[in-house]
Amino acid sequence: MNLEVLERKLMLVELENKNLKLKLRTAKRNNLLPSICLVAIALGLLYHQVFNT
């Protein structure tokens, strides 16, 4: 194998690595959103109970 082929393979591996990191970051963000929504709803309900008596 010559150097050019190795460089090309390395570039592909780096590209795939970057792609996987991006997918992981997106997945983390998507898992965080429902949690934030649930907390907001819970706080809203609590606020309702406390101040609407």
Protein backbone atom coordinates (compact mmCIF):
# COMPACT_ATOMS: atom_id res chain seq x y z
CA MET A 1 0.00 0.00 0.00
CA ASN A 2 1.36 3.38 -0.89
CA LEU A 3 1.14 6.57 1.13
CA GLU A 4 -1.64 8.10 -0.99
CA VAL A 5 -3.99 5.19 -0.29
CA LEU A 6 -3.25 5.34 3.43
CA GLU A 7 -3.90 9.09 3.50
CA ARG A 8 -7.22 8.61 1.72
CA LYS A 9 -8.27 5.90 4.18
CA LEU A 10 -7.27 8.09 7.13
CA MET A 11 -9.37 10.95 5.74
CA LEU A 12 -12.36 8.63 5.43
CA VAL A 13 -11.93 7.40 9.00
CA GLU A 14 -11.66 10.97 10.32
CA LEU A 15 -14.76 11.99 8.35
CA GLU A 16 -16.74 9.05 9.72
CA ASN A 17 -15.53 9.83 13.26
CA LYS A 18 -16.72 13.44 12.92
CA ASN A 19 -20.07 12.20 11.58
CA LEU A 20 -20.54 9.84 14.55
CA LYS A 21 -19.70 12.58 17.04
CA LEU A 22 -22.28 14.84 15.40
CA LYS A 23 -24.91 12.09 15.56
CA LEU A 24 -24.12 11.49 19.24
CA ARG A 25 -24.42 15.21 20.02
CA THR A 26 -27.78 15.36 18.20
CA ALA A 27 -29.03 12.29 20.09
CA LYS A 28 -28.03 13.84 23.43
CA ARG A 29 -29.85 17.05 22.53
CA ASN A 30 -32.95 15.13 21.47
CA ASN A 31 -32.98 13.20 24.77
CA LEU A 32 -32.64 16.44 26.72
CA LEU A 33 -35.63 18.18 25.13
CA PRO A 34 -38.39 15.94 26.53
CA SER A 35 -36.84 16.26 29.99
CA ILE A 36 -36.88 20.05 29.78
CA CYS A 37 -40.52 19.96 28.62
CA LEU A 38 -41.53 17.68 31.49
CA VAL A 39 -39.84 19.93 34.04
CA ALA A 40 -41.57 22.99 32.54
CA ILE A 41 -44.98 21.25 32.70
CA ALA A 42 -44.38 20.14 36.29
CA LEU A 43 -43.40 23.68 37.32
CA GLY A 44 -46.47 25.04 35.53
CA LEU A 45 -48.78 22.65 37.38
CA LEU A 46 -47.12 23.44 40.70
CA TYR A 47 -47.46 27.18 40.04
CA HIS A 48 -51.14 26.64 39.21
CA GLN A 49 -51.79 24.74 42.44
CA VAL A 50 -49.95 27.23 44.64
CA PHE A 51 -51.33 30.48 43.20
CA ASN A 52 -54.85 29.45 42.19
CA THR A 53 -56.17 28.65 45.67
